[in-house]
Amino acid sequence: MPHTTGLQVGLVFGLVILAGCGPEKELPTTVTLTPDRDLPTLIAVPPQSNPAAAKIVDRCLAASTEGHPERIGKAKAFRLAMKGVVIRQGVEVATIRRVDAVWPDRFVQFDEFNEGGPVRVIMGLRRPVLWARNHRDGQSTKIPVPESEQYEAVIAAEAVGRYWMALLVPLTDPKTIVFDPKTETVDGQAVSVIKASVPGCPVFTLWFDDKTGFLGRIDFMQTEQLGSNPIAKTFILKDHRLFSGLMIPGKIGYRHNGPVVESWAVDSWDFVDKIDDIVFDAPK
């Protein structure tokens, strides 16, 4: 059987992992669907940001940059390295992942694992081109990727939620509208919840720890293919620590319609001035 990895689990991003999921306290990880999440396209986005929601964002940006929110700009181009355990067809597979990316529409993701022998899966996006390859036993083969504008747009939007939202980059974009501020209580502690509309993306629901100001959870719904049901996607961000002047998560978990399917421990998150476009092109 060919190792198409995440392509068999919804999006290409479905190469997912499960690491230690202990009972430690964190922002809520169970996904409870509400009408606006079930019908994400019907969420009414106001023409401009709500001042109270913008204030929550400003506090997060200050807390995450040691009071220098301009530092977020350097996170637009990054190199990320992390380790975890992939869950694929119910099996846990130790995985190393490396990502190079440039905001807002270029990334290449390298996954290495050892399921029946060394395997490397590479997936890249340089809009509008999406591609994936499988390397095994010295052979390199193409992984079939649906050739549709909608599928490519879904991958690009998930990349925004998966990587750049964790770095807070979209929250500094003047085109992003934040609204619907609420206060929730989790394990007896207050958290602030807002919605964020980023151009070309589903509406994100963002959860902020009131004690630290850090972003701790990202929720969104995506319909991956025409006629399919929306999928609830959640990223859990924990263990915030300093990477090149930014307080950002050192541990990242991903839930897909409820269950945990990824959990990463970050080794390094490096910000660079530039990554050449050729890095994101499919191999010849």
Protein backbone atom coordinates (compact mmCIF):
# COMPACT_ATOMS: atom_id res chain seq x y z
CA MET A 1 0.00 0.00 0.00
CA PRO A 2 1.46 3.43 -0.86
CA HIS A 3 2.21 5.68 2.08
CA THR A 4 0.06 8.64 1.22
CA THR A 5 -0.11 9.57 4.90
CA GLY A 6 -2.41 12.52 5.58
CA LEU A 7 -4.05 12.38 2.18
CA GLN A 8 -6.01 9.43 3.52
CA VAL A 9 -7.21 11.48 6.51
CA GLY A 10 -8.93 14.47 4.93
CA LEU A 11 -6.38 17.15 4.11
CA VAL A 12 -2.73 16.59 3.36
CA PHE A 13 -2.17 18.12 6.80
CA GLY A 14 -3.77 15.03 8.28
CA LEU A 15 -0.37 13.47 8.99
CA VAL A 16 -1.15 13.70 12.67
CA ILE A 17 0.32 12.72 16.00
CA LEU A 18 -0.53 11.93 19.58
CA ALA A 19 1.93 12.65 22.35
CA GLY A 20 1.43 12.90 26.09
CA CYS A 21 -2.15 13.91 26.73
CA GLY A 22 -2.10 14.07 30.49
CA PRO A 23 -4.78 15.58 32.71
CA GLU A 24 -2.93 18.92 33.14
CA LYS A 25 -5.12 22.01 33.09
CA GLU A 26 -5.38 23.83 29.79
CA LEU A 27 -7.87 25.74 27.74
CA PRO A 28 -10.80 23.46 26.85
CA THR A 29 -9.92 20.78 24.34
CA THR A 30 -13.29 19.16 23.71
CA VAL A 31 -15.11 20.56 20.71
CA THR A 32 -18.77 21.40 21.30
CA LEU A 33 -20.44 22.35 18.06
CA THR A 34 -22.68 25.39 18.13
CA PRO A 35 -24.90 26.74 15.34
CA ASP A 36 -22.28 29.24 14.14
CA ARG A 37 -19.63 26.51 13.98
CA ASP A 38 -21.94 24.08 12.18
CA LEU A 39 -22.67 26.73 9.54
CA PRO A 40 -19.46 28.75 9.38
CA THR A 41 -20.33 30.47 6.13
CA LEU A 42 -23.36 32.05 7.83
CA ILE A 43 -21.35 33.84 10.52
CA ALA A 44 -22.05 37.54 10.12
CA VAL A 45 -18.77 39.47 10.03
CA PRO A 46 -19.05 43.16 10.93
CA PRO A 47 -17.47 45.79 8.67
CA GLN A 48 -14.89 46.72 11.30
CA SER A 49 -13.33 45.31 14.46
CA ASN A 50 -15.08 45.47 17.82
CA PRO A 51 -13.08 47.73 20.20
CA ALA A 52 -13.33 45.26 23.11
CA ALA A 53 -12.12 42.40 20.90
CA ALA A 54 -9.29 44.57 19.58
CA LYS A 55 -8.26 45.33 23.16
CA ILE A 56 -7.95 41.59 23.87
CA VAL A 57 -5.75 41.22 20.79
CA ASP A 58 -3.59 44.19 21.82
CA ARG A 59 -3.01 42.63 25.24
CA CYS A 60 -1.99 39.34 23.64
CA LEU A 61 0.40 41.06 21.23
CA ALA A 62 2.03 42.96 24.09
CA ALA A 63 2.30 39.88 26.31
CA SER A 64 3.76 37.81 23.48
CA THR A 65 6.40 40.34 22.40
CA GLU A 66 7.66 41.73 25.73
CA GLY A 67 5.78 44.93 24.90
CA HIS A 68 7.14 45.20 21.34
CA PRO A 69 4.30 44.12 19.01
CA GLU A 70 6.34 45.19 15.98
CA ARG A 71 8.35 41.99 16.51
CA ILE A 72 5.45 40.00 15.04
CA GLY A 73 6.50 41.23 11.61
CA LYS A 74 9.63 39.08 11.63
CA ALA A 75 7.48 35.93 12.08
CA LYS A 76 6.16 36.19 8.51
CA ALA A 77 9.03 33.99 7.29
CA PHE A 78 10.08 31.11 9.51
CA ARG A 79 11.68 27.71 9.81
CA LEU A 80 10.04 25.33 12.30
CA ALA A 81 11.31 22.00 13.64
CA MET A 82 9.29 19.76 15.96
CA LYS A 83 8.79 16.16 17.00
CA GLY A 84 5.74 14.10 17.86
CA VAL A 85 3.80 10.89 17.36
CA VAL A 86 1.57 10.48 14.32
CA ILE A 87 -1.79 8.73 14.56
CA ARG A 88 -2.56 7.20 11.21
CA GLN A 89 -5.33 4.63 10.90
CA GLY A 90 -5.25 4.25 14.68
CA VAL A 91 -1.50 3.61 14.85
CA GLU A 92 0.95 5.89 16.67
CA VAL A 93 4.02 6.69 14.56
CA ALA A 94 6.92 8.80 15.86
CA THR A 95 7.45 11.69 13.46
CA ILE A 96 9.85 14.55 12.89
CA ARG A 97 8.39 17.57 11.10
CA ARG A 98 10.14 20.56 9.56
CA VAL A 99 8.34 23.49 7.96
CA ASP A 100 9.61 26.45 5.93
CA ALA A 101 7.00 29.13 5.29
CA VAL A 102 6.47 32.68 4.09
CA TRP A 103 3.27 34.60 4.87
CA PRO A 104 0.67 34.33 3.54
CA ASP A 105 0.75 31.69 0.83
CA ARG A 106 3.95 29.63 0.70
CA PHE A 107 5.10 26.69 2.76
CA VAL A 108 6.84 23.36 2.43
CA GLN A 109 6.42 20.64 5.06
CA PHE A 110 8.79 17.70 5.55
CA ASP A 111 7.67 14.69 7.62
CA GLU A 112 10.06 11.88 8.48
CA PHE A 113 8.99 8.64 10.15
CA ASN A 114 10.01 5.00 10.29
CA GLU A 115 6.94 2.89 9.63
CA GLY A 116 8.33 -0.24 8.03
CA GLY A 117 11.47 1.61 6.95
CA PRO A 118 12.60 5.23 6.63
CA VAL A 119 9.93 7.36 4.95
CA ARG A 120 9.86 11.02 4.06
CA VAL A 121 6.73 12.84 2.93
CA ILE A 122 7.04 16.35 1.50
CA MET A 123 4.10 18.65 0.85
CA GLY A 124 4.38 22.16 -0.56
CA LEU A 125 2.26 25.11 -1.53
CA ARG A 126 3.20 28.07 -3.69
CA ARG A 127 -0.19 29.38 -4.57
CA PRO A 128 -1.91 28.34 -6.67
CA VAL A 129 0.20 25.16 -6.95
CA LEU A 130 -0.15 22.43 -4.29
CA TRP A 131 2.03 19.32 -4.47
CA ALA A 132 3.18 16.32 -2.43
CA ARG A 133 5.85 13.63 -2.80
CA ASN A 134 6.74 10.40 -1.05
CA HIS A 135 10.37 9.29 -0.55
CA ARG A 136 11.02 5.67 0.41
CA ASP A 137 13.81 3.18 -0.25
CA GLY A 138 15.61 5.67 -2.46
CA GLN A 139 12.54 6.19 -4.64
CA SER A 140 10.62 9.44 -5.02
CA THR A 141 6.99 9.32 -6.19
CA LYS A 142 4.21 11.84 -6.55
CA ILE A 143 1.34 11.72 -4.07
CA PRO A 144 -1.96 12.41 -5.86
CA VAL A 145 -3.40 15.75 -4.78
CA PRO A 146 -6.91 16.81 -5.85
CA GLU A 147 -6.52 19.35 -8.63
CA SER A 148 -9.19 21.78 -7.61
CA GLU A 149 -9.12 25.46 -6.72
CA GLN A 150 -11.28 24.79 -3.65
CA TYR A 151 -8.98 22.11 -2.25
CA GLU A 152 -5.91 24.30 -2.68
CA ALA A 153 -7.75 27.18 -0.97
CA VAL A 154 -8.66 24.93 1.97
CA ILE A 155 -5.01 23.90 2.42
CA ALA A 156 -3.89 27.54 2.28
CA ALA A 157 -6.52 28.58 4.84
CA GLU A 158 -5.60 25.77 7.21
CA ALA A 159 -1.95 26.82 6.99
CA VAL A 160 -2.97 30.24 8.26
CA GLY A 161 -4.68 28.70 11.28
CA ARG A 162 -2.05 26.03 11.81
CA TYR A 163 1.07 28.17 11.67
CA TRP A 164 0.64 31.92 11.30
CA MET A 165 -2.24 32.32 13.74
CA ALA A 166 -0.14 30.55 16.39
CA LEU A 167 2.48 33.24 15.65
CA LEU A 168 -0.23 35.95 15.80
CA VAL A 169 0.71 37.25 12.33
CA PRO A 170 -2.91 37.53 11.03
CA LEU A 171 -3.85 39.57 14.10
CA THR A 172 -1.50 42.33 12.95
CA ASP A 173 -2.99 42.43 9.43
CA PRO A 174 -5.23 45.52 9.03
CA LYS A 175 -7.58 43.42 6.88
CA THR A 176 -8.35 41.08 9.80
CA ILE A 177 -11.58 41.89 11.64
CA VAL A 178 -11.99 40.77 15.27
CA PHE A 179 -15.40 40.72 16.92
CA ASP A 180 -17.85 39.00 19.28
CA PRO A 181 -15.79 39.22 22.53
CA LYS A 182 -16.95 36.94 25.34
CA THR A 183 -15.69 35.75 28.71
CA GLU A 184 -15.67 32.04 29.55
CA THR A 185 -14.56 30.17 32.67
CA VAL A 186 -12.26 27.15 32.36
CA ASP A 187 -11.20 25.23 35.48
CA GLY A 188 -12.23 28.24 37.54
CA GLN A 189 -10.09 30.64 35.50
CA ALA A 190 -11.34 33.35 33.15
CA VAL A 191 -10.54 33.20 29.45
CA SER A 192 -11.41 35.72 26.76
CA VAL A 193 -12.90 34.45 23.50
CA ILE A 194 -13.19 36.37 20.24
CA LYS A 195 -13.80 35.65 16.58
CA ALA A 196 -11.36 36.67 13.87
CA SER A 197 -12.15 37.03 10.17
CA VAL A 198 -9.01 36.70 8.03
CA PRO A 199 -9.39 37.21 4.25
CA GLY A 200 -9.69 33.90 2.41
CA CYS A 201 -10.15 31.88 5.61
CA PRO A 202 -12.99 30.49 7.70
CA VAL A 203 -13.83 32.53 10.78
CA PHE A 204 -11.49 31.58 13.61
CA THR A 205 -12.58 31.41 17.25
CA LEU A 206 -9.65 32.38 19.48
CA TRP A 207 -9.27 31.64 23.19
CA PHE A 208 -6.91 33.76 25.30
CA ASP A 209 -5.69 33.03 28.83
CA ASP A 210 -6.71 36.05 30.92
CA LYS A 211 -3.86 35.44 33.35
CA THR A 212 -1.04 35.49 30.78
CA GLY A 213 -2.68 37.10 27.77
CA PHE A 214 -1.41 34.27 25.54
CA LEU A 215 -3.43 32.64 22.76
CA GLY A 216 -4.25 29.13 23.94
CA ARG A 217 -6.71 27.69 21.46
CA ILE A 218 -7.83 28.15 17.85
CA ASP A 219 -11.14 26.74 16.54
CA PHE A 220 -12.51 26.80 13.02
CA MET A 221 -14.74 24.84 10.69
CA GLN A 222 -13.84 23.79 7.16
CA THR A 223 -15.75 22.09 4.37
CA GLU A 224 -12.94 20.33 2.56
CA GLN A 225 -14.81 19.23 -0.56
CA LEU A 226 -18.07 20.20 -2.19
CA GLY A 227 -20.97 18.31 -0.67
CA SER A 228 -19.03 17.13 2.39
CA ASN A 229 -19.87 17.97 5.98
CA PRO A 230 -17.96 20.73 7.79
CA ILE A 231 -15.08 19.48 9.94
CA ALA A 232 -14.35 20.95 13.37
CA LYS A 233 -10.63 21.71 13.72
CA THR A 234 -8.96 22.80 16.93
CA PHE A 235 -5.36 23.74 17.72
CA ILE A 236 -4.28 23.72 21.38
CA LEU A 237 -1.27 25.94 22.13
CA LYS A 238 0.70 25.32 25.35
CA ASP A 239 4.05 25.79 27.04
CA HIS A 240 4.64 29.29 25.67
CA ARG A 241 8.29 30.27 25.77
CA LEU A 242 10.65 32.73 24.14
CA PHE A 243 11.71 32.06 20.54
CA SER A 244 13.75 34.90 19.04
CA GLY A 245 11.93 37.54 21.06
CA LEU A 246 8.42 36.08 20.75
CA MET A 247 6.53 34.18 23.45
CA ILE A 248 4.93 31.45 21.36
CA PRO A 249 3.82 27.84 21.97
CA GLY A 250 6.38 25.12 22.57
CA LYS A 251 3.69 22.45 22.39
CA ILE A 252 0.91 22.24 19.82
CA GLY A 253 -1.97 19.77 19.65
CA TYR A 254 -4.55 19.30 16.91
CA ARG A 255 -8.08 17.88 17.21
CA HIS A 256 -10.09 16.75 14.21
CA ASN A 257 -13.85 16.50 14.88
CA GLY A 258 -13.04 16.03 18.57
CA PRO A 259 -10.27 13.41 19.00
CA VAL A 260 -6.60 14.40 19.25
CA VAL A 261 -4.77 13.58 16.03
CA GLU A 262 -1.54 15.55 16.47
CA SER A 263 0.58 16.72 19.39
CA TRP A 264 3.93 18.39 18.75
CA ALA A 265 6.89 19.45 20.89
CA VAL A 266 8.73 22.34 19.22
CA ASP A 267 12.51 22.06 18.97
CA SER A 268 13.09 25.39 17.23
CA TRP A 269 11.12 28.21 15.66
CA ASP A 270 13.50 30.44 13.73
CA PHE A 271 12.53 33.66 11.97
CA VAL A 272 14.42 34.67 8.85
CA ASP A 273 14.52 37.68 6.54
CA LYS A 274 13.84 35.69 3.39
CA ILE A 275 13.29 32.20 1.98
CA ASP A 276 13.77 31.84 -1.78
CA ASP A 277 10.61 31.01 -3.72
CA ILE A 278 12.30 28.01 -5.33
CA VAL A 279 12.14 26.25 -1.95
CA PHE A 280 8.36 25.99 -2.35
CA ASP A 281 8.33 24.64 -5.90
CA ALA A 282 7.63 20.99 -6.61
CA PRO A 283 10.71 18.91 -7.48
CA LYS A 284 11.22 18.42 -11.22
